[in-house]
Amino acid sequence: MMKIDLNVDLGEGCDYDEALLALVSSANVACGWHAGDAGTMQQVVRWALENGVAIGAHPSFPDRENFGRTEMQLPLDEIRAGTLYQIGALAAMVRAQGGWLTHVKPHGALYNQAARDPALAETLVEAIRAFDTDLAVYGLAGGELVKAARAAGMHAVEEVFADRGYNPDGSLVKRGTPGALIEREEDALAQTLMMVQAQRVRAIDGTLVPIQAQTVCLHGDGEHALEFAQRIRSFLLDEGIEIAPVR
């Protein structure tokens, strides 16, 4: 049976965290720098463990004001230290409740910059590897973070997005520009199925782009996040695709 991981970003101050954890196979928990706090991290970890969901750290640039979506040019040593700090905080919450951290997925601008900046990607991988060589690295499919993780001997997981538009080079259409978000649910479901089954996606110019889909990102902060998660899970299961963590 074909399998796919459904991951969701949680601990960001939204209303559906507990309910979403019954629908996904992996969770990326905000570590306090773009959203969340110690109490929220602890609670989301508890819910994730109760649902048997794989738990990952979701580190960010230090940017609560803009939800981690502002691009920053910081010294690489500073980024490495900040990433370690955030992973360590979340890992402590997981370990204290008898679980273990499985992966790291950068958030927002840090994620997008690492997808195209080899030096930043290598710095993030260095931080993750220094903490635990067994952690998986979630990154944009085909991006520099995935390449850096594999070059370092780490387990890279290539991520695709159900509700985001793609450029012909496989990058995401920038938020705030035409085509960045897929508004119609049916279109998002069709795109997801194509990426999972055919390993390709239709870019905004109409071309078909090869893509490696190992995990599908769902957003936990949208107005209809819970409804869409329910729909996409049922849709994939009806297509004979099992929902399961990457490892």
C-alpha atoms as a PDB file:
ATOM      1  CA  MET A   1       0.000   0.000   0.000  1.00  0.00           C
ATOM      2  CA  MET A   2       1.217   3.495  -0.824  1.00  0.00           C
ATOM      3  CA  LYS A   3       1.988   5.589   2.271  1.00  0.00           C
ATOM      4  CA  ILE A   4       2.320   9.291   2.972  1.00  0.00           C
ATOM      5  CA  ASP A   5       3.114  11.276   6.102  1.00  0.00           C
ATOM      6  CA  LEU A   6       0.729  14.102   7.017  1.00  0.00           C
ATOM      7  CA  ASN A   7       2.467  16.719   9.151  1.00  0.00           C
ATOM      8  CA  VAL A   8       1.040  19.821  10.798  1.00  0.00           C
ATOM      9  CA  ASP A   9       2.570  22.882  12.475  1.00  0.00           C
ATOM     10  CA  LEU A  10       1.210  23.231  16.007  1.00  0.00           C
ATOM     11  CA  GLY A  11       1.696  25.146  19.258  1.00  0.00           C
ATOM     12  CA  GLU A  12       1.176  28.447  17.463  1.00  0.00           C
ATOM     13  CA  GLY A  13      -1.765  29.732  19.483  1.00  0.00           C
ATOM     14  CA  CYS A  14      -4.554  28.284  17.364  1.00  0.00           C
ATOM     15  CA  ASP A  15      -7.708  26.507  18.478  1.00  0.00           C
ATOM     16  CA  TYR A  16      -7.453  23.092  16.850  1.00  0.00           C
ATOM     17  CA  ASP A  17      -4.189  21.564  18.055  1.00  0.00           C
ATOM     18  CA  GLU A  18      -5.709  18.677  19.995  1.00  0.00           C
ATOM     19  CA  ALA A  19      -8.258  17.814  17.306  1.00  0.00           C
ATOM     20  CA  LEU A  20      -5.677  17.986  14.502  1.00  0.00           C
ATOM     21  CA  LEU A  21      -3.464  15.486  16.297  1.00  0.00           C
ATOM     22  CA  ALA A  22      -6.115  12.820  15.769  1.00  0.00           C
ATOM     23  CA  LEU A  23      -5.830  13.304  11.992  1.00  0.00           C
ATOM     24  CA  VAL A  24      -2.090  13.535  11.225  1.00  0.00           C
ATOM     25  CA  SER A  25       0.954  11.314  11.621  1.00  0.00           C
ATOM     26  CA  SER A  26       3.585  13.956  12.478  1.00  0.00           C
ATOM     27  CA  ALA A  27       3.547  17.255  14.358  1.00  0.00           C
ATOM     28  CA  ASN A  28       6.003  20.153  14.256  1.00  0.00           C
ATOM     29  CA  VAL A  29       5.830  22.033  17.553  1.00  0.00           C
ATOM     30  CA  ALA A  30       6.695  25.736  17.755  1.00  0.00           C
ATOM     31  CA  CYS A  31       9.623  26.304  20.101  1.00  0.00           C
ATOM     32  CA  GLY A  32       8.815  29.801  21.371  1.00  0.00           C
ATOM     33  CA  TRP A  33      10.676  32.014  18.908  1.00  0.00           C
ATOM     34  CA  HIS A  34       7.867  32.679  16.448  1.00  0.00           C
ATOM     35  CA  ALA A  35       4.994  31.409  18.582  1.00  0.00           C
ATOM     36  CA  GLY A  36       4.230  29.266  21.617  1.00  0.00           C
ATOM     37  CA  ASP A  37       5.726  29.036  25.078  1.00  0.00           C
ATOM     38  CA  ALA A  38       6.794  26.393  27.581  1.00  0.00           C
ATOM     39  CA  GLY A  39       3.266  25.594  28.720  1.00  0.00           C
ATOM     40  CA  THR A  40       1.971  25.277  25.179  1.00  0.00           C
ATOM     41  CA  MET A  41       4.875  23.064  24.145  1.00  0.00           C
ATOM     42  CA  GLN A  42       4.266  20.774  27.111  1.00  0.00           C
ATOM     43  CA  GLN A  43       0.541  20.463  26.361  1.00  0.00           C
ATOM     44  CA  VAL A  44       0.943  19.827  22.626  1.00  0.00           C
ATOM     45  CA  VAL A  45       3.573  17.168  23.341  1.00  0.00           C
ATOM     46  CA  ARG A  46       1.172  15.472  25.752  1.00  0.00           C
ATOM     47  CA  TRP A  47      -1.596  15.399  23.144  1.00  0.00           C
ATOM     48  CA  ALA A  48       0.793  14.150  20.459  1.00  0.00           C
ATOM     49  CA  LEU A  49       1.992  11.282  22.629  1.00  0.00           C
ATOM     50  CA  GLU A  50      -1.596  10.338  23.452  1.00  0.00           C
ATOM     51  CA  ASN A  51      -2.340  10.112  19.721  1.00  0.00           C
ATOM     52  CA  GLY A  52       0.846   8.261  18.784  1.00  0.00           C
ATOM     53  CA  VAL A  53       1.997  11.119  16.554  1.00  0.00           C
ATOM     54  CA  ALA A  54       5.689  11.639  15.697  1.00  0.00           C
ATOM     55  CA  ILE A  55       6.978  14.842  17.309  1.00  0.00           C
ATOM     56  CA  GLY A  56       9.340  17.300  15.680  1.00  0.00           C
ATOM     57  CA  ALA A  57      10.843  20.653  16.645  1.00  0.00           C
ATOM     58  CA  HIS A  58       9.764  23.689  14.607  1.00  0.00           C
ATOM     59  CA  PRO A  59      12.521  26.288  15.162  1.00  0.00           C
ATOM     60  CA  SER A  60      12.368  29.799  13.759  1.00  0.00           C
ATOM     61  CA  PHE A  61      14.172  33.080  13.454  1.00  0.00           C
ATOM     62  CA  PRO A  62      13.626  35.199  16.623  1.00  0.00           C
ATOM     63  CA  ASP A  63      10.580  36.966  15.188  1.00  0.00           C
ATOM     64  CA  ARG A  64       7.394  36.716  17.248  1.00  0.00           C
ATOM     65  CA  GLU A  65       6.210  40.076  15.948  1.00  0.00           C
ATOM     66  CA  ASN A  66       5.925  38.760  12.385  1.00  0.00           C
ATOM     67  CA  PHE A  67       5.240  35.089  13.167  1.00  0.00           C
ATOM     68  CA  GLY A  68       8.690  34.106  11.925  1.00  0.00           C
ATOM     69  CA  ARG A  69       7.908  35.150   8.364  1.00  0.00           C
ATOM     70  CA  THR A  70      10.456  37.971   8.061  1.00  0.00           C
ATOM     71  CA  GLU A  71      13.659  37.084   6.230  1.00  0.00           C
ATOM     72  CA  MET A  72      16.783  37.782   8.299  1.00  0.00           C
ATOM     73  CA  GLN A  73      20.492  37.870   7.563  1.00  0.00           C
ATOM     74  CA  LEU A  74      22.031  36.785  10.874  1.00  0.00           C
ATOM     75  CA  PRO A  75      25.522  35.433  11.590  1.00  0.00           C
ATOM     76  CA  LEU A  76      25.549  31.697  10.920  1.00  0.00           C
ATOM     77  CA  ASP A  77      26.964  30.970  14.386  1.00  0.00           C
ATOM     78  CA  GLU A  78      24.001  32.813  15.885  1.00  0.00           C
ATOM     79  CA  ILE A  79      21.551  30.793  13.800  1.00  0.00           C
ATOM     80  CA  ARG A  80      23.264  27.542  14.773  1.00  0.00           C
ATOM     81  CA  ALA A  81      23.097  28.394  18.480  1.00  0.00           C
ATOM     82  CA  GLY A  82      19.475  29.503  18.249  1.00  0.00           C
ATOM     83  CA  THR A  83      18.468  26.345  16.451  1.00  0.00           C
ATOM     84  CA  LEU A  84      20.166  24.170  19.068  1.00  0.00           C
ATOM     85  CA  TYR A  85      18.480  26.171  21.831  1.00  0.00           C
ATOM     86  CA  GLN A  86      15.014  25.632  20.381  1.00  0.00           C
ATOM     87  CA  ILE A  87      15.496  21.936  19.604  1.00  0.00           C
ATOM     88  CA  GLY A  88      16.782  21.363  23.121  1.00  0.00           C
ATOM     89  CA  ALA A  89      13.781  23.060  24.694  1.00  0.00           C
ATOM     90  CA  LEU A  90      11.271  20.951  22.791  1.00  0.00           C
ATOM     91  CA  ALA A  91      13.279  17.759  23.271  1.00  0.00           C
ATOM     92  CA  ALA A  92      13.223  18.320  27.040  1.00  0.00           C
ATOM     93  CA  MET A  93       9.427  18.526  26.999  1.00  0.00           C
ATOM     94  CA  VAL A  94       9.208  15.319  24.991  1.00  0.00           C
ATOM     95  CA  ARG A  95      11.720  13.382  27.079  1.00  0.00           C
ATOM     96  CA  ALA A  96      10.095  14.448  30.357  1.00  0.00           C
ATOM     97  CA  GLN A  97       6.849  12.831  29.194  1.00  0.00           C
ATOM     98  CA  GLY A  98       8.456   9.575  28.118  1.00  0.00           C
ATOM     99  CA  GLY A  99       8.676  10.247  24.385  1.00  0.00           C
ATOM    100  CA  TRP A 100      11.437  11.037  21.920  1.00  0.00           C
ATOM    101  CA  LEU A 101      11.986  13.683  19.287  1.00  0.00           C
ATOM    102  CA  THR A 102      11.898  12.318  15.739  1.00  0.00           C
ATOM    103  CA  HIS A 103      12.589  15.258  13.418  1.00  0.00           C
ATOM    104  CA  VAL A 104      13.231  18.964  12.911  1.00  0.00           C
ATOM    105  CA  LYS A 105      11.419  21.208  10.451  1.00  0.00           C
ATOM    106  CA  PRO A 106      12.396  24.894  10.302  1.00  0.00           C
ATOM    107  CA  HIS A 107       9.561  27.433  10.247  1.00  0.00           C
ATOM    108  CA  GLY A 108       8.598  30.254   7.945  1.00  0.00           C
ATOM    109  CA  ALA A 109      11.356  32.467   6.611  1.00  0.00           C
ATOM    110  CA  LEU A 110      14.048  30.216   8.077  1.00  0.00           C
ATOM    111  CA  TYR A 111      12.573  27.273   6.151  1.00  0.00           C
ATOM    112  CA  ASN A 112      12.277  29.175   2.887  1.00  0.00           C
ATOM    113  CA  GLN A 113      15.745  30.713   3.065  1.00  0.00           C
ATOM    114  CA  ALA A 114      17.302  27.345   3.870  1.00  0.00           C
ATOM    115  CA  ALA A 115      15.567  25.874   0.826  1.00  0.00           C
ATOM    116  CA  ARG A 116      17.618  28.135  -1.458  1.00  0.00           C
ATOM    117  CA  ASP A 117      20.725  29.117   0.574  1.00  0.00           C
ATOM    118  CA  PRO A 118      23.314  26.305   0.790  1.00  0.00           C
ATOM    119  CA  ALA A 119      25.304  27.953   3.601  1.00  0.00           C
ATOM    120  CA  LEU A 120      22.235  28.428   5.777  1.00  0.00           C
ATOM    121  CA  ALA A 121      21.065  24.896   4.994  1.00  0.00           C
ATOM    122  CA  GLU A 122      24.421  23.462   6.031  1.00  0.00           C
ATOM    123  CA  THR A 123      24.336  25.491   9.271  1.00  0.00           C
ATOM    124  CA  LEU A 124      20.909  24.149  10.208  1.00  0.00           C
ATOM    125  CA  VAL A 125      21.980  20.592   9.441  1.00  0.00           C
ATOM    126  CA  GLU A 126      25.115  21.065  11.563  1.00  0.00           C
ATOM    127  CA  ALA A 127      22.964  22.149  14.504  1.00  0.00           C
ATOM    128  CA  ILE A 128      20.521  19.265  14.114  1.00  0.00           C
ATOM    129  CA  ARG A 129      23.315  16.735  13.667  1.00  0.00           C
ATOM    130  CA  ALA A 130      25.174  18.085  16.708  1.00  0.00           C
ATOM    131  CA  PHE A 131      22.082  17.515  18.816  1.00  0.00           C
ATOM    132  CA  ASP A 132      21.154  14.044  17.537  1.00  0.00           C
ATOM    133  CA  THR A 133      22.323  12.273  14.402  1.00  0.00           C
ATOM    134  CA  ASP A 134      19.152  10.158  14.370  1.00  0.00           C
ATOM    135  CA  LEU A 135      16.829  13.142  13.852  1.00  0.00           C
ATOM    136  CA  ALA A 136      15.189  13.455  10.446  1.00  0.00           C
ATOM    137  CA  VAL A 137      15.397  16.794   8.640  1.00  0.00           C
ATOM    138  CA  TYR A 138      12.177  18.008   6.999  1.00  0.00           C
ATOM    139  CA  GLY A 139      12.730  20.396   4.087  1.00  0.00           C
ATOM    140  CA  LEU A 140      11.155  21.628   0.878  1.00  0.00           C
ATOM    141  CA  ALA A 141      11.247  18.892  -1.743  1.00  0.00           C
ATOM    142  CA  GLY A 142      14.284  19.392  -3.963  1.00  0.00           C
ATOM    143  CA  GLY A 143      15.590  22.267  -1.835  1.00  0.00           C
ATOM    144  CA  GLU A 144      19.034  22.981  -0.413  1.00  0.00           C
ATOM    145  CA  LEU A 145      18.119  21.813   3.115  1.00  0.00           C
ATOM    146  CA  VAL A 146      17.297  18.343   1.809  1.00  0.00           C
ATOM    147  CA  LYS A 147      20.560  18.271  -0.155  1.00  0.00           C
ATOM    148  CA  ALA A 148      22.614  19.411   2.844  1.00  0.00           C
ATOM    149  CA  ALA A 149      21.045  16.813   5.129  1.00  0.00           C
ATOM    150  CA  ARG A 150      21.799  13.986   2.719  1.00  0.00           C
ATOM    151  CA  ALA A 151      25.348  15.239   2.177  1.00  0.00           C
ATOM    152  CA  ALA A 152      25.862  15.092   5.948  1.00  0.00           C
ATOM    153  CA  GLY A 153      24.504  11.546   6.179  1.00  0.00           C
ATOM    154  CA  MET A 154      21.267  12.648   7.843  1.00  0.00           C
ATOM    155  CA  HIS A 155      17.806  11.346   7.061  1.00  0.00           C
ATOM    156  CA  ALA A 156      16.166  13.946   4.813  1.00  0.00           C
ATOM    157  CA  VAL A 157      12.392  14.030   4.338  1.00  0.00           C
ATOM    158  CA  GLU A 158      11.077  15.902   1.298  1.00  0.00           C
ATOM    159  CA  GLU A 159       7.998  17.982   2.017  1.00  0.00           C
ATOM    160  CA  VAL A 160       5.218  19.157  -0.292  1.00  0.00           C
ATOM    161  CA  PHE A 161       2.318  21.523   0.321  1.00  0.00           C
ATOM    162  CA  ALA A 162      -1.324  20.797  -0.365  1.00  0.00           C
ATOM    163  CA  ASP A 163      -2.465  24.412  -0.546  1.00  0.00           C
ATOM    164  CA  ARG A 164       0.539  26.297  -1.965  1.00  0.00           C
ATOM    165  CA  GLY A 165       1.353  27.194  -5.536  1.00  0.00           C
ATOM    166  CA  TYR A 166       4.626  26.087  -7.143  1.00  0.00           C
ATOM    167  CA  ASN A 167       7.047  27.845  -9.467  1.00  0.00           C
ATOM    168  CA  PRO A 168       8.510  26.014 -12.498  1.00  0.00           C
ATOM    169  CA  ASP A 169      11.766  25.439 -10.560  1.00  0.00           C
ATOM    170  CA  GLY A 170       9.921  23.589  -7.784  1.00  0.00           C
ATOM    171  CA  SER A 171      10.036  26.461  -5.294  1.00  0.00           C
ATOM    172  CA  LEU A 172       6.921  27.817  -3.594  1.00  0.00           C
ATOM    173  CA  VAL A 173       5.218  30.900  -4.977  1.00  0.00           C
ATOM    174  CA  LYS A 174       5.979  33.716  -2.534  1.00  0.00           C
ATOM    175  CA  ARG A 175       3.188  34.543  -0.090  1.00  0.00           C
ATOM    176  CA  GLY A 176       1.293  37.672  -1.016  1.00  0.00           C
ATOM    177  CA  THR A 177       1.730  37.171  -4.762  1.00  0.00           C
ATOM    178  CA  PRO A 178      -0.833  35.753  -7.219  1.00  0.00           C
ATOM    179  CA  GLY A 179      -0.980  31.970  -7.139  1.00  0.00           C
ATOM    180  CA  ALA A 180       0.707  31.608  -3.746  1.00  0.00           C
ATOM    181  CA  LEU A 181      -2.320  30.008  -2.103  1.00  0.00           C
ATOM    182  CA  ILE A 182      -4.728  27.469  -3.545  1.00  0.00           C
ATOM    183  CA  GLU A 183      -8.134  28.669  -2.432  1.00  0.00           C
ATOM    184  CA  ARG A 184     -10.412  25.904  -3.738  1.00  0.00           C
ATOM    185  CA  GLU A 185     -10.354  22.761  -1.605  1.00  0.00           C
ATOM    186  CA  GLU A 186     -10.910  20.513  -4.606  1.00  0.00           C
ATOM    187  CA  ASP A 187      -7.840  21.970  -6.318  1.00  0.00           C
ATOM    188  CA  ALA A 188      -5.713  21.399  -3.215  1.00  0.00           C
ATOM    189  CA  LEU A 189      -6.866  17.792  -2.990  1.00  0.00           C
ATOM    190  CA  ALA A 190      -6.158  17.182  -6.674  1.00  0.00           C
ATOM    191  CA  GLN A 191      -2.685  18.703  -6.348  1.00  0.00           C
ATOM    192  CA  THR A 192      -1.932  16.537  -3.319  1.00  0.00           C
ATOM    193  CA  LEU A 193      -3.006  13.358  -5.081  1.00  0.00           C
ATOM    194  CA  MET A 194      -0.854  14.176  -8.104  1.00  0.00           C
ATOM    195  CA  MET A 195       2.192  14.846  -5.927  1.00  0.00           C
ATOM    196  CA  VAL A 196       1.759  11.652  -3.913  1.00  0.00           C
ATOM    197  CA  GLN A 197       0.804   9.269  -6.725  1.00  0.00           C
ATOM    198  CA  ALA A 198       2.558  10.717  -9.772  1.00  0.00           C
ATOM    199  CA  GLN A 199       5.452  12.497  -7.998  1.00  0.00           C
ATOM    200  CA  ARG A 200       4.907  15.715  -9.932  1.00  0.00           C
ATOM    201  CA  VAL A 201       3.111  19.043  -9.528  1.00  0.00           C
ATOM    202  CA  ARG A 202       1.634  21.523 -11.976  1.00  0.00           C
ATOM    203  CA  ALA A 203       3.430  24.878 -11.661  1.00  0.00           C
ATOM    204  CA  ILE A 204       1.673  28.224 -12.011  1.00  0.00           C
ATOM    205  CA  ASP A 205       2.801  28.447 -15.663  1.00  0.00           C
ATOM    206  CA  GLY A 206       1.132  25.108 -16.417  1.00  0.00           C
ATOM    207  CA  THR A 207       4.286  22.999 -16.669  1.00  0.00           C
ATOM    208  CA  LEU A 208       4.565  19.679 -14.859  1.00  0.00           C
ATOM    209  CA  VAL A 209       7.454  19.616 -12.414  1.00  0.00           C
ATOM    210  CA  PRO A 210       8.948  16.388 -10.957  1.00  0.00           C
ATOM    211  CA  ILE A 211       8.693  16.368  -7.164  1.00  0.00           C
ATOM    212  CA  GLN A 212       9.499  13.867  -4.428  1.00  0.00           C
ATOM    213  CA  ALA A 213       6.594  13.778  -1.976  1.00  0.00           C
ATOM    214  CA  GLN A 214       7.399  12.055   1.319  1.00  0.00           C
ATOM    215  CA  THR A 215       5.360  14.238   3.655  1.00  0.00           C
ATOM    216  CA  VAL A 216       2.475  16.653   3.079  1.00  0.00           C
ATOM    217  CA  CYS A 217       2.267  19.818   5.175  1.00  0.00           C
ATOM    218  CA  LEU A 218      -1.050  20.940   6.617  1.00  0.00           C
ATOM    219  CA  HIS A 219      -1.312  24.344   8.279  1.00  0.00           C
ATOM    220  CA  GLY A 220      -2.797  24.477  11.779  1.00  0.00           C
ATOM    221  CA  ASP A 221      -3.428  28.221  11.796  1.00  0.00           C
ATOM    222  CA  GLY A 222      -6.040  28.650   9.059  1.00  0.00           C
ATOM    223  CA  GLU A 223      -9.717  29.374   9.612  1.00  0.00           C
ATOM    224  CA  HIS A 224     -10.686  26.026   8.067  1.00  0.00           C
ATOM    225  CA  ALA A 225      -7.613  24.055   9.178  1.00  0.00           C
ATOM    226  CA  LEU A 226      -9.538  21.337  10.981  1.00  0.00           C
ATOM    227  CA  GLU A 227     -12.114  20.833   8.241  1.00  0.00           C
ATOM    228  CA  PHE A 228      -9.441  20.603   5.560  1.00  0.00           C
ATOM    229  CA  ALA A 229      -7.367  18.150   7.600  1.00  0.00           C
ATOM    230  CA  GLN A 230     -10.424  15.924   7.994  1.00  0.00           C
ATOM    231  CA  ARG A 231     -11.154  16.147   4.293  1.00  0.00           C
ATOM    232  CA  ILE A 232      -7.635  15.447   3.042  1.00  0.00           C
ATOM    233  CA  ARG A 233      -7.183  12.503   5.410  1.00  0.00           C
ATOM    234  CA  SER A 234     -10.441  10.913   4.268  1.00  0.00           C
ATOM    235  CA  PHE A 235      -9.624  11.679   0.633  1.00  0.00           C
ATOM    236  CA  LEU A 236      -6.216   9.995   0.783  1.00  0.00           C
ATOM    237  CA  LEU A 237      -7.546   6.970   2.647  1.00  0.00           C
ATOM    238  CA  ASP A 238     -10.325   6.584   0.070  1.00  0.00           C
ATOM    239  CA  GLU A 239      -7.614   6.565  -2.612  1.00  0.00           C
ATOM    240  CA  GLY A 240      -5.913   3.640  -0.872  1.00  0.00           C
ATOM    241  CA  ILE A 241      -3.078   5.720   0.594  1.00  0.00           C
ATOM    242  CA  GLU A 242      -2.065   4.976   4.178  1.00  0.00           C
ATOM    243  CA  ILE A 243      -1.299   7.863   6.569  1.00  0.00           C
ATOM    244  CA  ALA A 244       1.882   7.039   8.498  1.00  0.00           C
ATOM    245  CA  PRO A 245       5.062   8.697   9.807  1.00  0.00           C
ATOM    246  CA  VAL A 246       8.068   8.553   7.510  1.00  0.00           C
ATOM    247  CA  ARG A 247       9.845   6.332  10.009  1.00  0.00           C
END
